[in-house]
């Protein structure tokens, strides 16, 4: 069986030392569509922010295309092809001085793509 495109194993992440995600594991195969569903406050946004590098995992691993990405900066994750797009179509990336760039053209220019 081939390795998943995205593999998350025993992920723990949160804010200010308080874990929101506790031992989350999932895999997404090439061509597969996966939805993360749940009530408000259960960690959907924290999971997406952690996958994007905007929130640092305290333990566990995230692999994309076979490469471990859980310690990479958001621009490095985007360069590898994993992006975070909000409901309204805004592309999220971490920019200078921890500002969030919401302009796709600015994000492209910042990343040099």
N, C-alpha and C. Protein backbone atom coordinates (compact mmCIF):
# COMPACT_ATOMS: atom_id res chain seq x y z
N UNK A 1 0.84 -1.18 0.00
CA UNK A 1 0.00 0.00 0.00
C UNK A 1 0.88 1.25 0.00
N UNK A 2 0.65 2.20 -0.93
CA UNK A 2 1.50 3.40 -0.98
C UNK A 2 1.27 4.30 0.23
N UNK A 3 2.29 5.10 0.52
CA UNK A 3 2.19 6.06 1.63
C UNK A 3 1.16 7.13 1.28
N UNK A 4 0.36 7.58 2.25
CA UNK A 4 -0.63 8.63 1.97
C UNK A 4 0.05 9.92 1.52
N UNK A 5 -0.68 10.72 0.76
CA UNK A 5 -0.21 12.03 0.36
C UNK A 5 0.04 12.90 1.59
N UNK A 6 -0.90 12.84 2.54
CA UNK A 6 -0.80 13.56 3.81
C UNK A 6 -1.00 12.55 4.92
N UNK A 7 -0.05 12.47 5.84
CA UNK A 7 -0.14 11.54 6.96
C UNK A 7 0.08 12.30 8.26
N UNK A 8 -0.88 12.21 9.16
CA UNK A 8 -0.82 12.85 10.47
C UNK A 8 -0.86 11.73 11.51
N UNK A 9 0.11 11.74 12.43
CA UNK A 9 0.19 10.68 13.43
C UNK A 9 0.34 11.25 14.83
N UNK A 10 -0.61 10.91 15.70
CA UNK A 10 -0.57 11.26 17.13
C UNK A 10 -0.31 12.74 17.37
N UNK A 11 -0.96 13.59 16.61
CA UNK A 11 -0.73 15.03 16.67
C UNK A 11 -1.33 15.63 17.94
N UNK A 12 -0.52 16.40 18.65
CA UNK A 12 -0.95 17.16 19.82
C UNK A 12 -0.58 18.61 19.57
N UNK A 13 -1.56 19.51 19.67
CA UNK A 13 -1.32 20.94 19.44
C UNK A 13 -2.38 21.74 20.17
N UNK A 14 -2.05 22.99 20.45
CA UNK A 14 -3.00 23.86 21.12
C UNK A 14 -2.44 25.25 21.27
N UNK A 15 -2.92 25.94 22.27
CA UNK A 15 -2.56 27.34 22.47
C UNK A 15 -2.18 27.56 23.93
N UNK A 16 -1.05 28.23 24.16
CA UNK A 16 -0.63 28.57 25.52
C UNK A 16 -0.49 27.38 26.44
N UNK A 17 -0.04 26.25 25.91
CA UNK A 17 0.14 25.06 26.74
C UNK A 17 -1.12 24.24 26.95
N UNK A 18 -2.26 24.72 26.49
CA UNK A 18 -3.52 23.97 26.63
C UNK A 18 -3.78 23.20 25.33
N UNK A 19 -3.71 21.87 25.36
CA UNK A 19 -3.92 21.12 24.13
C UNK A 19 -5.37 21.19 23.64
N UNK A 20 -5.51 21.37 22.34
CA UNK A 20 -6.81 21.32 21.69
C UNK A 20 -6.92 20.00 20.93
N UNK A 21 -5.84 19.65 20.25
CA UNK A 21 -5.76 18.37 19.54
C UNK A 21 -4.98 17.40 20.43
N UNK A 22 -5.51 16.22 20.62
CA UNK A 22 -4.86 15.23 21.50
C UNK A 22 -4.79 13.89 20.77
N UNK A 23 -3.65 13.59 20.17
CA UNK A 23 -3.47 12.29 19.54
C UNK A 23 -4.21 12.10 18.23
N UNK A 24 -4.36 13.16 17.43
CA UNK A 24 -5.07 13.08 16.15
C UNK A 24 -4.21 12.35 15.12
N UNK A 25 -4.80 11.38 14.45
CA UNK A 25 -4.14 10.66 13.36
C UNK A 25 -5.10 10.57 12.19
N UNK A 26 -4.57 10.78 10.99
CA UNK A 26 -5.36 10.64 9.77
C UNK A 26 -4.43 10.50 8.59
N UNK A 27 -4.97 9.97 7.52
CA UNK A 27 -4.22 9.85 6.28
C UNK A 27 -5.12 10.23 5.12
N UNK A 28 -4.54 10.90 4.14
CA UNK A 28 -5.26 11.28 2.94
C UNK A 28 -4.48 10.74 1.74
N UNK A 29 -5.12 9.84 0.99
CA UNK A 29 -4.48 9.24 -0.18
C UNK A 29 -4.62 10.16 -1.39
N UNK A 30 -3.77 9.95 -2.37
CA UNK A 30 -3.86 10.71 -3.61
C UNK A 30 -5.23 10.51 -4.23
N UNK A 31 -5.86 11.61 -4.64
CA UNK A 31 -7.17 11.55 -5.26
C UNK A 31 -8.34 11.46 -4.30
N UNK A 32 -8.06 11.32 -3.02
CA UNK A 32 -9.11 11.19 -2.01
C UNK A 32 -9.55 12.58 -1.54
N UNK A 33 -10.82 12.72 -1.25
CA UNK A 33 -11.37 13.95 -0.69
C UNK A 33 -11.79 13.64 0.75
N UNK A 34 -11.30 14.45 1.69
CA UNK A 34 -11.58 14.23 3.11
C UNK A 34 -12.16 15.51 3.69
N UNK A 35 -13.20 15.37 4.49
CA UNK A 35 -13.80 16.50 5.19
C UNK A 35 -13.61 16.29 6.69
N UNK A 36 -13.28 17.35 7.39
CA UNK A 36 -13.17 17.32 8.84
C UNK A 36 -14.40 18.06 9.37
N UNK A 37 -15.25 17.33 10.05
CA UNK A 37 -16.52 17.87 10.54
C UNK A 37 -16.55 17.85 12.05
N UNK A 38 -17.27 18.79 12.64
CA UNK A 38 -17.45 18.78 14.08
C UNK A 38 -18.06 20.07 14.57
N UNK A 39 -18.51 20.06 15.79
CA UNK A 39 -19.11 21.24 16.42
C UNK A 39 -18.05 22.32 16.62
N UNK A 40 -18.52 23.52 16.90
CA UNK A 40 -17.60 24.62 17.22
C UNK A 40 -16.73 24.25 18.41
N UNK A 41 -15.45 24.58 18.32
CA UNK A 41 -14.55 24.39 19.45
C UNK A 41 -13.93 23.03 19.59
N UNK A 42 -14.10 22.13 18.60
CA UNK A 42 -13.53 20.79 18.74
C UNK A 42 -12.15 20.65 18.11
N UNK A 43 -11.65 21.69 17.40
CA UNK A 43 -10.28 21.65 16.91
C UNK A 43 -10.10 21.63 15.40
N UNK A 44 -11.15 21.85 14.63
CA UNK A 44 -11.02 21.84 13.17
C UNK A 44 -10.04 22.93 12.70
N UNK A 45 -10.22 24.13 13.19
CA UNK A 45 -9.34 25.24 12.81
C UNK A 45 -7.93 25.01 13.33
N UNK A 46 -7.80 24.50 14.53
CA UNK A 46 -6.47 24.21 15.08
C UNK A 46 -5.77 23.16 14.23
N UNK A 47 -6.49 22.15 13.78
CA UNK A 47 -5.89 21.14 12.89
C UNK A 47 -5.38 21.79 11.61
N UNK A 48 -6.21 22.61 10.96
CA UNK A 48 -5.78 23.27 9.73
C UNK A 48 -4.59 24.20 9.97
N UNK A 49 -4.62 24.93 11.05
CA UNK A 49 -3.50 25.84 11.36
C UNK A 49 -2.23 25.06 11.66
N UNK A 50 -2.36 23.91 12.28
CA UNK A 50 -1.18 23.09 12.57
C UNK A 50 -0.63 22.48 11.30
N UNK A 51 -1.50 21.99 10.42
CA UNK A 51 -1.05 21.45 9.13
C UNK A 51 -0.33 22.53 8.32
N UNK A 52 -0.77 23.78 8.44
CA UNK A 52 -0.20 24.90 7.70
C UNK A 52 1.07 25.47 8.34
N UNK A 53 1.37 25.05 9.56
CA UNK A 53 2.54 25.58 10.26
C UNK A 53 2.26 26.85 11.04
N UNK A 54 1.02 27.31 11.07
CA UNK A 54 0.69 28.52 11.82
C UNK A 54 0.62 28.26 13.32
N UNK A 55 0.33 27.01 13.70
CA UNK A 55 0.37 26.56 15.09
C UNK A 55 1.38 25.42 15.13
N UNK A 56 2.28 25.46 16.09
CA UNK A 56 3.32 24.43 16.22
C UNK A 56 2.79 23.25 17.02
N UNK A 57 2.94 22.05 16.49
CA UNK A 57 2.56 20.84 17.22
C UNK A 57 3.51 20.64 18.39
N UNK A 58 2.96 20.23 19.53
CA UNK A 58 3.83 19.93 20.67
C UNK A 58 4.36 18.50 20.59
N UNK A 59 3.65 17.63 19.87
CA UNK A 59 4.15 16.28 19.59
C UNK A 59 3.38 15.69 18.42
N UNK A 60 3.86 14.57 17.93
CA UNK A 60 3.27 13.94 16.77
C UNK A 60 4.00 14.36 15.50
N UNK A 61 3.56 13.80 14.37
CA UNK A 61 4.21 14.12 13.10
C UNK A 61 3.18 14.42 12.02
N UNK A 62 3.63 15.26 11.08
CA UNK A 62 2.86 15.55 9.87
C UNK A 62 3.81 15.30 8.71
N UNK A 63 3.37 14.43 7.79
CA UNK A 63 4.16 14.16 6.58
C UNK A 63 3.32 14.52 5.36
N UNK A 64 3.97 15.21 4.42
CA UNK A 64 3.33 15.55 3.15
C UNK A 64 4.25 15.10 2.04
N UNK A 65 3.72 14.29 1.14
CA UNK A 65 4.52 13.69 0.05
C UNK A 65 5.74 12.95 0.60
N UNK A 66 5.54 12.31 1.76
CA UNK A 66 6.61 11.52 2.36
C UNK A 66 7.61 12.29 3.19
N UNK A 67 7.53 13.61 3.18
CA UNK A 67 8.48 14.45 3.91
C UNK A 67 7.85 14.99 5.18
N UNK A 68 8.59 14.95 6.26
CA UNK A 68 8.10 15.51 7.52
C UNK A 68 8.08 17.03 7.42
N UNK A 69 6.90 17.63 7.71
CA UNK A 69 6.75 19.08 7.57
C UNK A 69 6.36 19.78 8.87
N UNK A 70 6.20 19.04 9.96
CA UNK A 70 5.67 19.65 11.18
C UNK A 70 6.61 20.64 11.85
N UNK A 71 7.83 20.74 11.41
CA UNK A 71 8.76 21.73 11.98
C UNK A 71 9.16 22.80 10.97
N UNK A 72 8.49 22.80 9.81
CA UNK A 72 8.79 23.79 8.79
C UNK A 72 7.99 25.06 9.01
N UNK A 73 8.51 26.18 8.52
CA UNK A 73 7.79 27.46 8.55
C UNK A 73 6.68 27.43 7.50
N UNK A 74 5.61 28.20 7.71
CA UNK A 74 4.51 28.21 6.75
C UNK A 74 4.92 28.43 5.29
N UNK A 75 5.81 29.39 4.98
CA UNK A 75 6.19 29.55 3.57
C UNK A 75 6.87 28.30 2.99
N UNK A 76 7.62 27.58 3.80
CA UNK A 76 8.27 26.35 3.32
C UNK A 76 7.25 25.25 3.07
N UNK A 77 6.19 25.21 3.87
CA UNK A 77 5.12 24.23 3.66
C UNK A 77 4.38 24.56 2.36
N UNK A 78 4.10 25.84 2.14
CA UNK A 78 3.42 26.26 0.91
C UNK A 78 4.27 25.92 -0.31
N UNK A 79 5.56 26.16 -0.24
CA UNK A 79 6.45 25.84 -1.37
C UNK A 79 6.40 24.37 -1.74
N UNK A 80 6.09 23.52 -0.77
CA UNK A 80 6.00 22.08 -1.04
C UNK A 80 4.63 21.69 -1.62
N UNK A 81 3.69 22.64 -1.63
CA UNK A 81 2.42 22.39 -2.27
C UNK A 81 1.22 22.23 -1.36
N UNK A 82 1.40 22.41 -0.05
CA UNK A 82 0.28 22.32 0.88
C UNK A 82 -0.11 23.73 1.30
N UNK A 83 -1.35 24.14 1.01
CA UNK A 83 -1.79 25.49 1.33
C UNK A 83 -3.04 25.44 2.20
N UNK A 84 -3.33 26.55 2.84
CA UNK A 84 -4.49 26.69 3.72
C UNK A 84 -5.36 27.78 3.11
N UNK A 85 -6.54 27.41 2.66
CA UNK A 85 -7.47 28.36 2.06
C UNK A 85 -8.72 28.43 2.94
N UNK A 86 -9.08 29.62 3.34
CA UNK A 86 -10.25 29.81 4.20
C UNK A 86 -11.53 29.70 3.39
N UNK A 87 -12.67 29.62 4.10
CA UNK A 87 -13.98 29.51 3.45
C UNK A 87 -14.22 30.58 2.40
N UNK A 88 -13.72 31.79 2.66
CA UNK A 88 -13.97 32.89 1.72
C UNK A 88 -12.94 32.93 0.59
N UNK A 89 -12.07 31.94 0.50
CA UNK A 89 -11.08 31.88 -0.57
C UNK A 89 -9.79 32.58 -0.26
N UNK A 90 -9.63 33.08 0.96
CA UNK A 90 -8.40 33.76 1.37
C UNK A 90 -7.29 32.74 1.55
N UNK A 91 -6.13 33.03 0.98
CA UNK A 91 -4.95 32.19 1.15
C UNK A 91 -4.23 32.67 2.39
N UNK A 92 -3.92 31.75 3.30
CA UNK A 92 -3.26 32.12 4.55
C UNK A 92 -1.81 31.67 4.52
N UNK A 93 -0.93 32.58 4.88
CA UNK A 93 0.48 32.27 5.05
C UNK A 93 1.04 33.23 6.08
N UNK A 94 2.11 32.84 6.71
CA UNK A 94 2.70 33.71 7.72
C UNK A 94 3.75 34.57 7.04
N UNK A 95 3.65 35.86 7.23
CA UNK A 95 4.57 36.78 6.59
C UNK A 95 5.45 37.47 7.61
N UNK A 96 6.20 38.49 7.17
CA UNK A 96 7.07 39.23 8.08
C UNK A 96 6.30 39.77 9.27
N UNK A 97 6.93 39.78 10.39
CA UNK A 97 6.36 40.30 11.65
C UNK A 97 5.07 39.58 12.02
N UNK A 98 4.98 38.28 11.65
CA UNK A 98 3.83 37.45 12.00
C UNK A 98 2.50 37.99 11.51
N UNK A 99 2.52 38.77 10.42
CA UNK A 99 1.27 39.24 9.82
C UNK A 99 0.73 38.15 8.91
N UNK A 100 -0.57 38.06 8.78
CA UNK A 100 -1.16 37.12 7.84
C UNK A 100 -1.43 37.84 6.54
N UNK A 101 -0.87 37.32 5.46
CA UNK A 101 -1.12 37.90 4.14
C UNK A 101 -2.40 37.31 3.59
N UNK A 102 -3.35 38.14 3.25
CA UNK A 102 -4.62 37.64 2.74
C UNK A 102 -4.79 37.92 1.26
N UNK A 103 -3.81 38.51 0.62
CA UNK A 103 -3.86 38.81 -0.80
C UNK A 103 -3.06 37.74 -1.54
N UNK A 104 -3.73 36.91 -2.39
CA UNK A 104 -3.02 35.85 -3.10
C UNK A 104 -1.83 36.36 -3.91
N UNK A 105 -1.94 37.55 -4.51
CA UNK A 105 -0.82 38.10 -5.28
C UNK A 105 0.36 38.40 -4.36
N UNK A 106 0.07 38.95 -3.18
CA UNK A 106 1.12 39.24 -2.21
C UNK A 106 1.76 37.94 -1.71
N UNK A 107 0.93 36.94 -1.45
CA UNK A 107 1.46 35.64 -1.01
C UNK A 107 2.37 35.04 -2.06
N UNK A 108 1.95 35.12 -3.32
CA UNK A 108 2.78 34.59 -4.41
C UNK A 108 4.10 35.35 -4.51
N UNK A 109 4.04 36.67 -4.41
CA UNK A 109 5.25 37.48 -4.48
C UNK A 109 6.17 37.18 -3.31
N UNK A 110 5.62 37.05 -2.11
CA UNK A 110 6.43 36.78 -0.91
C UNK A 110 7.15 35.45 -1.03
N UNK A 111 6.45 34.47 -1.57
CA UNK A 111 7.03 33.13 -1.69
C UNK A 111 7.93 32.98 -2.90
N UNK A 112 7.88 33.94 -3.81
CA UNK A 112 8.70 33.86 -5.01
C UNK A 112 8.21 32.79 -5.97
N UNK A 113 6.91 32.53 -5.99
CA UNK A 113 6.36 31.50 -6.88
C UNK A 113 5.99 32.08 -8.22
